[in-house]
């Protein structure tokens, strides 16, 4: 859910100051699969309004949903020009049209070109990622030069588009600051190439006998193309399943990116083909409840039903936080007797779009930054990125969190202010703060009651729940009770206290926090905890 702001001028410590200029880089969203109806979550703009920050332009690095998905919801508050490469611009136009927005503000810039807006000069520097036309941004203002990498990897065989040009990035060295991708910073070595994945997919699909379903991210057009080519080699007909997959391929075909993709067969016609001639490319690798693969796992697709002898291939890695949804999805698929191939048992069938440690070292050798601001990923990824940078002589004094205002000047890089960000979701065709978060707001927004009784026993490492979960949430907002039970079990195992009273004190705020994140309104919670003697567990 990326949204970065770059300002140039004499802004004070969180004060309103006129005379500074700002641009926004990316405007993404995420799907809250932990909330009823899976709403979209978008960035919180209240800090910008408080600080009187209004960007003069929105710059897009690439077309992934976590970089463009919120633009149609948030951009109307700014009304500024939007600069994007052709594929991202095409995807944005489709989103704007769906919401009835004019698309005149969306301006196409080719990878490698530059533009000026206010005091900023920006150059779009092509690099490889899991979607075509990804670009880093060289942002120059005054005497400062910042390289915003966006998402990237060093892929010698990207299948679509050229490989990254070392000369291009050596030519901009040295830079003052890299705002850099930390996603794979803990991993040694080098991320796998899309060319390698294409070979592995071709060999795997050739060995399959029944129908084959391959699930991957719709935006990974190189992967979609590789799957299509492999199917054609094996004499299989290709069908797309999922609206986002159809839209992405449609926009890419208009730009000439998918000319080698075999002719497509409508899903409704697959029943007329022998099983060994069928291959489906489907959305839903992350367990999204409404995606195509989830419908197949529940036997609820109107035109296609899995059966024993079929194969499902996950050509995507689990995004952290989606593990339980994916395991639930795989459990549903196994009921049909299909063969499952995934990143755990066949890692060669997927490649990350982000740089591992060897790629980071190579890249920083090209651009020679003075400072690093490690972004993307979780704190452990950012810390690993900082450690690697410092081993190369690059200073990384700040590990940022969402809402941080950071200053780069002649004295270096420093944290100026911290502005907590409240979750905002798209609800009833409008953006609204997610109620029930933090301090007094929780009490003001509580609605209904939730009654929870737990039988627990102490273990060597924490507490464990015994017996059935006794929960009455009928007077509260709708909730996923299975997800709640899974979270509760993990939470109990992590709490290291000696008494029930201490357990209650430790559990209550965590419980309110989970409910605030997962329900539209936080109910009054009535919690009862009962002890089970340890010796009873063995009876």
Protein backbone atom coordinates (compact mmCIF):
# COMPACT_ATOMS: atom_id res chain seq x y z
CA UNK A 1 0.00 0.00 0.00
CA UNK A 2 2.60 2.51 -1.21
CA UNK A 3 2.28 6.28 -1.01
CA UNK A 4 5.42 8.39 -0.59
CA UNK A 5 5.60 12.19 -0.51
CA UNK A 6 8.70 14.19 -1.46
CA UNK A 7 8.86 17.85 -0.48
CA UNK A 8 11.42 20.58 -1.17
CA UNK A 9 11.52 23.79 0.84
CA UNK A 10 11.75 25.24 4.34
CA UNK A 11 9.15 23.20 6.23
CA UNK A 12 9.42 23.34 10.02
CA UNK A 13 8.95 20.50 12.49
CA UNK A 14 5.36 19.57 11.64
CA UNK A 15 4.36 23.21 11.16
CA UNK A 16 2.33 24.62 8.32
CA UNK A 17 4.80 26.40 6.06
CA UNK A 18 4.05 27.98 2.72
CA UNK A 19 6.65 28.00 0.00
CA UNK A 20 7.51 24.29 -0.11
CA UNK A 21 6.56 21.99 -2.99
CA UNK A 22 5.51 18.33 -2.93
CA UNK A 23 5.06 15.39 -5.27
CA UNK A 24 3.43 12.02 -4.52
CA UNK A 25 5.02 8.77 -5.65
CA UNK A 26 2.58 5.87 -6.10
CA UNK A 27 -0.88 5.54 -4.57
CA UNK A 28 -1.62 1.91 -3.73
CA UNK A 29 -4.16 -0.12 -1.82
CA UNK A 30 -4.43 -3.50 -0.13
CA UNK A 31 -7.32 -5.94 0.29
CA UNK A 32 -8.34 -6.47 3.93
CA UNK A 33 -9.13 -10.17 3.80
CA UNK A 34 -9.50 -10.14 7.58
CA UNK A 35 -12.56 -7.85 7.49
CA UNK A 36 -16.14 -8.72 6.47
CA UNK A 37 -16.68 -8.39 2.71
CA UNK A 38 -12.90 -7.96 2.12
CA UNK A 39 -12.89 -4.16 1.71
CA UNK A 40 -10.08 -2.16 0.13
CA UNK A 41 -7.76 -0.33 2.51
CA UNK A 42 -6.21 2.89 1.21
CA UNK A 43 -3.69 5.34 2.68
CA UNK A 44 -4.72 7.92 5.27
CA UNK A 45 -4.57 11.47 3.85
CA UNK A 46 -5.46 13.26 7.09
CA UNK A 47 -1.79 13.99 7.90
CA UNK A 48 -1.35 15.67 4.52
CA UNK A 49 -4.40 17.81 5.15
CA UNK A 50 -3.18 18.72 8.67
CA UNK A 51 0.23 19.75 7.30
CA UNK A 52 -1.27 21.51 4.24
CA UNK A 53 0.54 19.16 1.88
CA UNK A 54 -1.01 18.96 -1.56
CA UNK A 55 1.12 17.31 -4.24
CA UNK A 56 1.55 19.09 -7.56
CA UNK A 57 1.90 15.72 -9.36
CA UNK A 58 1.37 12.00 -8.77
CA UNK A 59 4.22 9.87 -10.15
CA UNK A 60 3.67 6.12 -10.71
CA UNK A 61 6.62 3.68 -10.66
CA UNK A 62 4.71 0.63 -11.98
CA UNK A 63 1.26 -0.89 -12.35
CA UNK A 64 0.90 -3.20 -9.35
CA UNK A 65 -2.25 -2.76 -7.25
CA UNK A 66 -0.24 -1.84 -4.15
CA UNK A 67 1.16 1.08 -6.17
CA UNK A 68 -1.87 2.29 -8.20
CA UNK A 69 -4.99 0.74 -6.61
CA UNK A 70 -6.00 3.73 -4.45
CA UNK A 71 -5.50 6.43 -7.09
CA UNK A 72 -9.12 6.41 -8.29
CA UNK A 73 -10.24 6.96 -4.68
CA UNK A 74 -7.69 9.49 -3.44
CA UNK A 75 -6.56 11.43 -6.53
CA UNK A 76 -9.84 13.44 -6.78
CA UNK A 77 -8.78 15.26 -3.60
CA UNK A 78 -5.70 16.54 -5.43
CA UNK A 79 -6.71 16.87 -9.09
CA UNK A 80 -3.05 17.01 -10.12
CA UNK A 81 -1.39 15.54 -13.24
CA UNK A 82 -0.57 11.81 -13.05
CA UNK A 83 2.58 10.60 -14.83
CA UNK A 84 2.83 6.87 -15.60
CA UNK A 85 4.40 4.53 -18.14
CA UNK A 86 2.05 3.11 -20.82
CA UNK A 87 0.97 -0.10 -19.04
CA UNK A 88 0.35 1.58 -15.68
CA UNK A 89 -1.45 4.43 -17.46
CA UNK A 90 -3.72 1.94 -19.26
CA UNK A 91 -4.60 0.19 -16.02
CA UNK A 92 -5.28 3.53 -14.31
CA UNK A 93 -7.55 4.67 -17.13
CA UNK A 94 -9.62 1.49 -16.73
CA UNK A 95 -9.95 2.13 -12.98
CA UNK A 96 -10.89 5.77 -13.49
CA UNK A 97 -13.49 4.85 -16.12
CA UNK A 98 -15.10 2.35 -13.71
CA UNK A 99 -15.60 5.16 -11.19
CA UNK A 100 -16.83 7.63 -13.79
CA UNK A 101 -13.70 9.81 -13.52
CA UNK A 102 -12.20 11.71 -16.43
CA UNK A 103 -8.82 10.34 -17.53
CA UNK A 104 -7.37 13.57 -18.92
CA UNK A 105 -4.97 13.95 -15.99
CA UNK A 106 -3.23 10.64 -16.78
CA UNK A 107 -0.17 11.46 -18.87
CA UNK A 108 2.03 8.79 -20.44
CA UNK A 109 5.79 8.93 -20.05
CA UNK A 110 8.07 6.34 -21.63
CA UNK A 111 10.68 4.49 -19.53
CA UNK A 112 13.96 6.40 -19.75
CA UNK A 113 12.35 9.82 -20.23
CA UNK A 114 12.45 12.78 -17.82
CA UNK A 115 10.00 15.46 -16.72
CA UNK A 116 10.00 18.61 -14.64
CA UNK A 117 7.37 19.72 -12.16
CA UNK A 118 7.99 22.70 -9.89
CA UNK A 119 11.48 22.42 -8.37
CA UNK A 120 11.69 18.69 -9.15
CA UNK A 121 13.36 17.01 -12.10
CA UNK A 122 12.46 13.32 -12.39
CA UNK A 123 13.94 10.67 -14.65
CA UNK A 124 12.23 7.29 -15.11
CA UNK A 125 15.01 4.65 -15.06
CA UNK A 126 13.88 1.22 -16.37
CA UNK A 127 14.54 -1.82 -14.22
CA UNK A 128 13.19 -5.35 -14.02
CA UNK A 129 10.38 -6.50 -11.72
CA UNK A 130 7.42 -8.88 -11.95
CA UNK A 131 5.46 -6.48 -14.18
CA UNK A 132 6.72 -4.72 -17.32
CA UNK A 133 7.75 -1.05 -17.40
CA UNK A 134 8.80 -0.82 -13.76
CA UNK A 135 10.99 2.22 -13.17
CA UNK A 136 13.13 3.70 -10.46
CA UNK A 137 12.88 7.48 -10.10
CA UNK A 138 15.88 9.77 -9.94
CA UNK A 139 14.47 12.80 -8.12
CA UNK A 140 16.57 15.97 -8.21
CA UNK A 141 15.69 19.18 -6.34
CA UNK A 142 18.15 21.90 -5.41
CA UNK A 143 21.48 20.22 -4.66
CA UNK A 144 19.92 16.90 -3.65
CA UNK A 145 19.61 13.72 -5.73
CA UNK A 146 17.41 10.91 -4.43
CA UNK A 147 16.93 7.51 -6.08
CA UNK A 148 13.51 6.01 -5.29
CA UNK A 149 13.91 2.41 -6.45
CA UNK A 150 10.30 1.23 -6.30
CA UNK A 151 10.15 -2.57 -6.61
CA UNK A 152 12.94 -4.23 -8.58
CA UNK A 153 15.31 -7.16 -9.11
CA UNK A 154 18.26 -7.89 -11.39
CA UNK A 155 16.78 -10.30 -13.93
CA UNK A 156 19.07 -11.26 -16.84
CA UNK A 157 16.14 -12.92 -18.68
CA UNK A 158 12.89 -11.06 -17.88
CA UNK A 159 10.94 -12.51 -20.90
CA UNK A 160 9.10 -9.20 -21.42
CA UNK A 161 11.15 -6.04 -21.84
CA UNK A 162 14.91 -5.51 -21.65
CA UNK A 163 17.25 -6.55 -18.86
CA UNK A 164 18.45 -3.81 -16.52
CA UNK A 165 21.24 -1.56 -17.85
CA UNK A 166 24.20 -1.29 -15.49
CA UNK A 167 25.51 1.65 -17.50
CA UNK A 168 22.31 3.63 -16.90
CA UNK A 169 22.68 3.39 -13.15
CA UNK A 170 26.45 3.86 -13.09
CA UNK A 171 25.91 7.10 -14.99
CA UNK A 172 23.86 8.64 -12.16
CA UNK A 173 26.38 7.82 -9.40
CA UNK A 174 26.88 9.00 -6.76
CA UNK A 175 23.45 9.75 -5.31
CA UNK A 176 22.73 11.34 -1.93
CA UNK A 177 20.03 8.90 -0.88
CA UNK A 178 18.48 5.62 -2.01
CA UNK A 179 14.93 4.94 -0.83
CA UNK A 180 15.21 1.22 -1.36
CA UNK A 181 13.26 -2.04 -1.53
CA UNK A 182 13.91 -4.20 1.58
CA UNK A 183 11.54 -7.09 0.78
CA UNK A 184 14.22 -9.77 0.24
CA UNK A 185 17.09 -8.13 2.14
CA UNK A 186 17.38 -11.05 4.63
CA UNK A 187 17.90 -13.55 1.79
CA UNK A 188 21.40 -14.43 0.54
CA UNK A 189 22.22 -14.84 -3.11
CA UNK A 190 20.21 -13.75 -6.13
CA UNK A 191 16.49 -13.93 -6.98
CA UNK A 192 15.55 -16.48 -9.64
CA UNK A 193 15.08 -15.25 -13.22
CA UNK A 194 11.73 -15.40 -15.02
CA UNK A 195 13.54 -17.32 -17.77
CA UNK A 196 14.42 -20.08 -15.29
CA UNK A 197 10.83 -20.24 -14.06
CA UNK A 198 9.57 -20.52 -17.64
CA UNK A 199 11.74 -23.61 -18.20
CA UNK A 200 10.61 -25.20 -14.93
CA UNK A 201 6.94 -24.56 -15.73
CA UNK A 202 7.32 -26.08 -19.21
CA UNK A 203 8.85 -29.29 -17.78
CA UNK A 204 6.23 -29.59 -15.03
CA UNK A 205 3.23 -28.98 -17.29
CA UNK A 206 4.57 -31.49 -19.83
CA UNK A 207 4.41 -34.22 -17.14
CA UNK A 208 0.79 -33.52 -16.16
CA UNK A 209 -1.92 -35.85 -17.48
CA UNK A 210 -5.30 -34.35 -16.51
CA UNK A 211 -6.42 -30.75 -16.63
CA UNK A 212 -3.98 -28.16 -15.31
CA UNK A 213 -4.78 -24.98 -13.38
CA UNK A 214 -1.91 -22.55 -12.79
CA UNK A 215 -2.43 -19.68 -10.37
CA UNK A 216 -0.23 -16.59 -10.40
CA UNK A 217 -0.53 -12.85 -9.93
CA UNK A 218 -2.45 -11.32 -12.82
CA UNK A 219 0.12 -8.53 -13.11
CA UNK A 220 3.00 -10.95 -13.68
CA UNK A 221 2.61 -10.86 -17.45
CA UNK A 222 5.93 -12.60 -18.05
CA UNK A 223 4.66 -15.55 -16.00
CA UNK A 224 1.33 -15.58 -17.85
CA UNK A 225 3.19 -15.56 -21.16
CA UNK A 226 5.51 -18.37 -20.02
CA UNK A 227 2.54 -20.51 -18.95
CA UNK A 228 0.79 -19.87 -22.27
CA UNK A 229 3.87 -20.86 -24.26
CA UNK A 230 4.35 -24.02 -22.18
CA UNK A 231 0.71 -24.98 -22.74
CA UNK A 232 1.01 -24.52 -26.48
CA UNK A 233 4.12 -26.73 -26.57
CA UNK A 234 2.18 -29.49 -24.77
CA UNK A 235 -0.85 -29.26 -27.04
CA UNK A 236 -3.04 -27.61 -24.43
CA UNK A 237 -5.57 -24.82 -25.01
CA UNK A 238 -5.35 -21.81 -22.70
CA UNK A 239 -8.17 -20.13 -20.79
CA UNK A 240 -8.06 -17.20 -18.36
CA UNK A 241 -10.10 -17.31 -15.17
CA UNK A 242 -10.62 -14.19 -13.05
CA UNK A 243 -11.62 -10.62 -13.94
CA UNK A 244 -8.30 -9.06 -12.95
CA UNK A 245 -6.44 -11.59 -15.13
CA UNK A 246 -8.65 -10.82 -18.12
CA UNK A 247 -8.27 -7.06 -17.63
CA UNK A 248 -4.48 -7.18 -17.22
CA UNK A 249 -3.96 -9.34 -20.30
CA UNK A 250 -6.37 -7.18 -22.30
CA UNK A 251 -4.46 -3.96 -21.53
CA UNK A 252 -1.09 -5.67 -22.17
CA UNK A 253 -2.26 -7.01 -25.54
CA UNK A 254 -3.26 -3.50 -26.63
CA UNK A 255 0.32 -2.42 -25.94
CA UNK A 256 1.80 -5.36 -27.89
CA UNK A 257 3.21 -7.20 -24.88
CA UNK A 258 1.35 -10.48 -25.35
CA UNK A 259 1.61 -11.11 -29.08
CA UNK A 260 3.08 -14.58 -28.40
CA UNK A 261 0.23 -15.63 -26.11
CA UNK A 262 -1.74 -18.48 -27.77
CA UNK A 263 -5.40 -17.91 -28.72
CA UNK A 264 -7.64 -18.04 -25.66
CA UNK A 265 -10.60 -20.35 -25.10
CA UNK A 266 -13.62 -19.09 -23.09
CA UNK A 267 -13.96 -20.91 -19.76
CA UNK A 268 -17.50 -21.93 -20.70
CA UNK A 269 -16.09 -23.96 -23.64
CA UNK A 270 -13.53 -25.99 -21.66
CA UNK A 271 -16.00 -28.78 -20.98
CA UNK A 272 -15.89 -29.74 -24.67
CA UNK A 273 -12.12 -30.42 -24.59
CA UNK A 274 -10.33 -33.60 -23.44
CA UNK A 275 -8.66 -33.10 -20.02
CA UNK A 276 -5.14 -33.38 -21.46
CA UNK A 277 -5.85 -30.38 -23.72
CA UNK A 278 -6.96 -27.98 -20.96
CA UNK A 279 -4.87 -25.39 -19.13
CA UNK A 280 -6.39 -22.60 -17.02
CA UNK A 281 -4.49 -19.56 -15.74
CA UNK A 282 -6.38 -18.41 -12.65
CA UNK A 283 -6.27 -15.68 -10.05
CA UNK A 284 -6.40 -16.42 -6.34
CA UNK A 285 -2.95 -17.69 -5.33
CA UNK A 286 -3.21 -15.78 -2.01
CA UNK A 287 -6.45 -17.47 -0.93
CA UNK A 288 -8.64 -14.47 -1.77
CA UNK A 289 -12.18 -15.69 -0.94
CA UNK A 290 -13.81 -14.26 -4.08
CA UNK A 291 -11.03 -15.14 -6.54
CA UNK A 292 -11.30 -17.85 -9.17
CA UNK A 293 -9.21 -20.48 -7.38
CA UNK A 294 -11.22 -20.17 -4.16
CA UNK A 295 -14.43 -20.72 -6.12
CA UNK A 296 -12.90 -23.85 -7.65
CA UNK A 297 -11.82 -25.11 -4.21
CA UNK A 298 -15.44 -24.86 -3.02
CA UNK A 299 -16.91 -26.38 -6.18
CA UNK A 300 -18.77 -23.15 -6.94
CA UNK A 301 -17.50 -22.20 -10.37
CA UNK A 302 -20.37 -22.25 -12.88
CA UNK A 303 -18.35 -23.70 -15.80
CA UNK A 304 -15.45 -25.68 -14.34
CA UNK A 305 -15.16 -28.36 -11.69
CA UNK A 306 -11.95 -29.97 -10.45
CA UNK A 307 -11.66 -33.76 -10.23
CA UNK A 308 -9.13 -36.44 -9.33
CA UNK A 309 -6.22 -36.51 -11.77
CA UNK A 310 -6.16 -32.73 -12.28
CA UNK A 311 -3.18 -30.62 -11.22
CA UNK A 312 -3.12 -27.21 -9.53
CA UNK A 313 0.17 -25.27 -9.68
CA UNK A 314 0.82 -22.28 -7.41
CA UNK A 315 3.28 -20.12 -9.33
CA UNK A 316 3.37 -17.51 -6.57
CA UNK A 317 4.74 -17.23 -3.06
CA UNK A 318 2.59 -16.59 -0.01
CA UNK A 319 2.50 -12.93 0.97
CA UNK A 320 3.19 -12.69 4.73
CA UNK A 321 -0.14 -12.68 6.56
CA UNK A 322 -1.95 -14.81 3.96
CA UNK A 323 -0.63 -18.17 5.11
CA UNK A 324 -3.81 -19.39 6.80
CA UNK A 325 -6.03 -18.33 3.91
CA UNK A 326 -3.76 -20.21 1.51
CA UNK A 327 -3.69 -23.34 3.69
CA UNK A 328 -7.48 -23.26 3.86
CA UNK A 329 -7.58 -22.93 0.06
CA UNK A 330 -5.22 -25.88 -0.40
CA UNK A 331 -7.29 -27.96 2.00
CA UNK A 332 -10.35 -27.36 -0.17
CA UNK A 333 -8.45 -28.31 -3.33
CA UNK A 334 -7.18 -31.56 -1.79
CA UNK A 335 -10.77 -32.71 -1.23
CA UNK A 336 -11.04 -33.07 -5.02
CA UNK A 337 -8.02 -35.37 -5.19
CA UNK A 338 -5.92 -33.02 -7.31
CA UNK A 339 -2.11 -32.88 -7.32
CA UNK A 340 -0.69 -29.69 -5.78
CA UNK A 341 2.58 -28.04 -6.76
CA UNK A 342 3.63 -24.97 -4.78
CA UNK A 343 6.61 -22.92 -3.61
CA UNK A 344 7.29 -25.34 -0.76
CA UNK A 345 7.61 -28.56 -2.75
CA UNK A 346 8.65 -27.00 -6.08
CA UNK A 347 10.38 -23.61 -5.45
CA UNK A 348 11.59 -23.54 -9.06
CA UNK A 349 8.03 -22.70 -10.18
CA UNK A 350 8.17 -19.16 -8.76
CA UNK A 351 10.57 -16.23 -8.75
CA UNK A 352 10.41 -13.23 -6.47
CA UNK A 353 10.27 -9.76 -8.00
CA UNK A 354 12.54 -8.29 -5.33
CA UNK A 355 16.33 -8.20 -4.85
CA UNK A 356 18.25 -10.54 -2.55
CA UNK A 357 21.55 -9.58 -0.95
CA UNK A 358 23.86 -10.11 -3.94
CA UNK A 359 21.61 -7.94 -6.11
CA UNK A 360 21.57 -5.18 -3.49
CA UNK A 361 25.38 -5.23 -3.30
CA UNK A 362 25.70 -5.06 -7.09
CA UNK A 363 23.17 -2.24 -7.42
CA UNK A 364 24.68 -0.12 -4.66
CA UNK A 365 28.07 -0.63 -6.28
CA UNK A 366 26.60 1.04 -9.37
CA UNK A 367 24.82 4.02 -7.81
CA UNK A 368 27.12 4.58 -4.77
CA UNK A 369 24.62 6.16 -2.38
CA UNK A 370 25.69 8.15 0.67
CA UNK A 371 22.54 7.27 2.63
CA UNK A 372 19.91 4.52 2.55
CA UNK A 373 16.31 4.74 3.73
CA UNK A 374 15.14 1.08 3.88
CA UNK A 375 11.45 0.78 2.96
CA UNK A 376 9.02 -2.07 2.08
CA UNK A 377 8.70 -5.26 4.07
CA UNK A 378 8.55 -5.59 7.83
CA UNK A 379 11.03 -4.23 10.43
CA UNK A 380 13.20 -7.34 10.20
CA UNK A 381 13.58 -6.82 6.44
CA UNK A 382 14.44 -3.16 6.95
CA UNK A 383 16.98 -4.00 9.65
CA UNK A 384 18.63 -6.60 7.40
CA UNK A 385 18.79 -3.98 4.64
CA UNK A 386 20.40 -1.47 7.01
CA UNK A 387 23.00 -4.03 8.14
CA UNK A 388 23.92 -4.84 4.55
CA UNK A 389 24.15 -1.15 3.60
CA UNK A 390 26.38 -0.31 6.56
CA UNK A 391 28.70 -3.19 5.61
CA UNK A 392 29.16 -1.36 2.29
CA UNK A 393 29.90 1.96 3.95
CA UNK A 394 26.41 3.39 3.32
CA UNK A 395 24.84 5.27 6.24
CA UNK A 396 21.31 4.21 7.28
CA UNK A 397 20.47 6.23 10.40
CA UNK A 398 16.67 5.93 10.10
CA UNK A 399 14.39 2.88 9.80
CA UNK A 400 11.05 4.48 8.94
CA UNK A 401 7.51 3.49 9.86
CA UNK A 402 4.30 4.64 8.17
CA UNK A 403 3.68 8.33 8.82
CA UNK A 404 7.29 9.36 9.45
CA UNK A 405 8.40 12.79 8.21
CA UNK A 406 12.11 12.52 7.37
CA UNK A 407 14.48 15.34 6.44
CA UNK A 408 17.47 15.21 4.10
CA UNK A 409 19.74 18.26 4.24
CA UNK A 410 23.40 19.20 4.48
CA UNK A 411 23.55 17.63 7.95
CA UNK A 412 22.32 14.24 6.72
CA UNK A 413 19.16 12.18 7.19
CA UNK A 414 16.99 12.62 10.29
CA UNK A 415 13.52 11.85 11.63
CA UNK A 416 11.59 15.11 12.08
CA UNK A 417 8.15 13.98 13.21
CA UNK A 418 5.99 10.88 13.53
CA UNK A 419 2.33 10.95 12.46
CA UNK A 420 0.40 7.73 13.31
CA UNK A 421 -1.69 6.51 10.40
CA UNK A 422 -5.27 5.33 10.98
CA UNK A 423 -6.56 2.59 8.64
CA UNK A 424 -9.02 3.88 6.02
CA UNK A 425 -11.24 1.54 4.03
CA UNK A 426 -13.49 1.95 1.01
CA UNK A 427 -17.01 1.44 2.34
CA UNK A 428 -20.22 2.07 0.41
CA UNK A 429 -18.30 3.72 -2.44
CA UNK A 430 -16.54 6.18 -0.14
CA UNK A 431 -13.30 6.31 1.85
CA UNK A 432 -13.80 6.29 5.63
CA UNK A 433 -11.66 5.75 8.71
CA UNK A 434 -11.93 2.25 10.12
CA UNK A 435 -13.72 2.80 13.46
CA UNK A 436 -12.66 1.43 16.77
CA UNK A 437 -8.96 2.23 16.82
CA UNK A 438 -6.96 3.73 19.61
CA UNK A 439 -7.70 5.32 22.97
CA UNK A 440 -11.05 7.02 23.51
CA UNK A 441 -12.15 6.33 19.95
CA UNK A 442 -12.52 2.65 20.83
CA UNK A 443 -15.03 3.44 23.55
CA UNK A 444 -16.96 5.89 21.39
CA UNK A 445 -17.32 3.44 18.52
CA UNK A 446 -18.14 0.22 20.39
CA UNK A 447 -21.27 -1.44 19.18
CA UNK A 448 -22.95 -4.57 20.46
CA UNK A 449 -21.49 -7.20 22.78
CA UNK A 450 -19.17 -10.15 22.42
CA UNK A 451 -19.07 -12.91 25.06
CA UNK A 452 -15.97 -15.11 25.19
CA UNK A 453 -15.19 -17.91 27.65
CA UNK A 454 -11.86 -19.73 27.49
CA UNK A 455 -10.66 -22.90 29.17
CA UNK A 456 -6.86 -22.73 29.24
CA UNK A 457 -3.89 -24.62 30.63
CA UNK A 458 -0.36 -23.40 31.21
CA UNK A 459 2.43 -24.94 29.11
CA UNK A 460 6.22 -24.60 29.22
CA UNK A 461 6.15 -21.86 26.59
CA UNK A 462 2.81 -20.11 27.18
CA UNK A 463 -0.87 -21.00 27.44
CA UNK A 464 -3.03 -23.30 25.36
CA UNK A 465 -6.77 -23.37 24.81
CA UNK A 466 -8.56 -26.55 25.90
CA UNK A 467 -11.78 -27.73 24.29
CA UNK A 468 -14.22 -25.83 22.11
CA UNK A 469 -14.12 -22.04 21.75
CA UNK A 470 -17.11 -20.65 23.67
CA UNK A 471 -18.01 -17.53 21.76
CA UNK A 472 -21.21 -15.56 21.34
CA UNK A 473 -20.70 -12.81 18.78
CA UNK A 474 -24.32 -12.66 17.63
CA UNK A 475 -24.71 -9.09 18.91
CA UNK A 476 -21.48 -7.83 17.26
CA UNK A 477 -20.46 -7.04 13.68
CA UNK A 478 -20.00 -10.12 11.45
CA UNK A 479 -16.63 -11.79 11.99
CA UNK A 480 -14.60 -14.74 10.71
CA UNK A 481 -14.74 -17.02 13.77
CA UNK A 482 -12.22 -19.49 12.31
CA UNK A 483 -9.66 -16.73 11.76
CA UNK A 484 -10.37 -15.40 15.25
CA UNK A 485 -9.82 -18.82 16.82
CA UNK A 486 -6.55 -19.26 14.91
CA UNK A 487 -5.32 -15.85 16.06
CA UNK A 488 -6.39 -16.52 19.64
CA UNK A 489 -4.45 -19.80 19.78
CA UNK A 490 -1.30 -18.09 18.49
CA UNK A 491 -1.75 -15.21 20.92
CA UNK A 492 -2.16 -17.49 23.94
CA UNK A 493 0.96 -19.45 23.01
CA UNK A 494 3.02 -16.23 22.96
CA UNK A 495 1.89 -14.85 26.35
CA UNK A 496 4.35 -15.76 29.12
CA UNK A 497 2.67 -14.98 32.46
CA UNK A 498 2.15 -17.08 35.58
CA UNK A 499 -1.44 -16.47 36.66
CA UNK A 500 -4.93 -16.18 35.19
CA UNK A 501 -5.14 -12.58 36.40
CA UNK A 502 -1.94 -11.70 34.51
CA UNK A 503 -3.19 -13.63 31.47
CA UNK A 504 -6.39 -11.60 31.47
CA UNK A 505 -4.45 -8.33 31.71
CA UNK A 506 -2.20 -9.39 28.83
CA UNK A 507 -4.97 -10.78 26.63
CA UNK A 508 -7.61 -8.03 26.97
CA UNK A 509 -5.78 -5.23 25.04
CA UNK A 510 -4.61 -7.65 22.35
CA UNK A 511 -8.17 -8.88 21.98
CA UNK A 512 -9.49 -5.32 21.56
CA UNK A 513 -6.75 -4.62 19.05
CA UNK A 514 -7.67 -7.67 16.93
CA UNK A 515 -11.35 -6.75 17.00
CA UNK A 516 -10.54 -3.15 16.04
CA UNK A 517 -8.59 -4.38 13.03
CA UNK A 518 -11.16 -6.97 11.93
CA UNK A 519 -14.62 -5.58 12.68
CA UNK A 520 -16.35 -2.46 11.43
CA UNK A 521 -17.30 -1.61 15.04
CA UNK A 522 -15.65 -2.79 18.24
CA UNK A 523 -18.15 -4.43 20.63
CA UNK A 524 -18.13 -4.48 24.42
CA UNK A 525 -16.11 -7.58 25.33
CA UNK A 526 -17.10 -9.88 28.20
CA UNK A 527 -14.15 -12.21 28.82
CA UNK A 528 -14.09 -15.17 31.18
CA UNK A 529 -11.00 -17.37 31.60
CA UNK A 530 -11.15 -20.78 33.30
CA UNK A 531 -8.14 -22.86 34.33
CA UNK A 532 -7.75 -26.56 33.50
CA UNK A 533 -5.31 -28.46 35.69
CA UNK A 534 -2.31 -29.73 33.74
CA UNK A 535 -2.72 -33.31 35.01
CA UNK A 536 -6.20 -33.47 33.45
CA UNK A 537 -4.72 -33.05 29.97
CA UNK A 538 -3.43 -36.60 29.87
CA UNK A 539 -6.71 -38.24 30.85
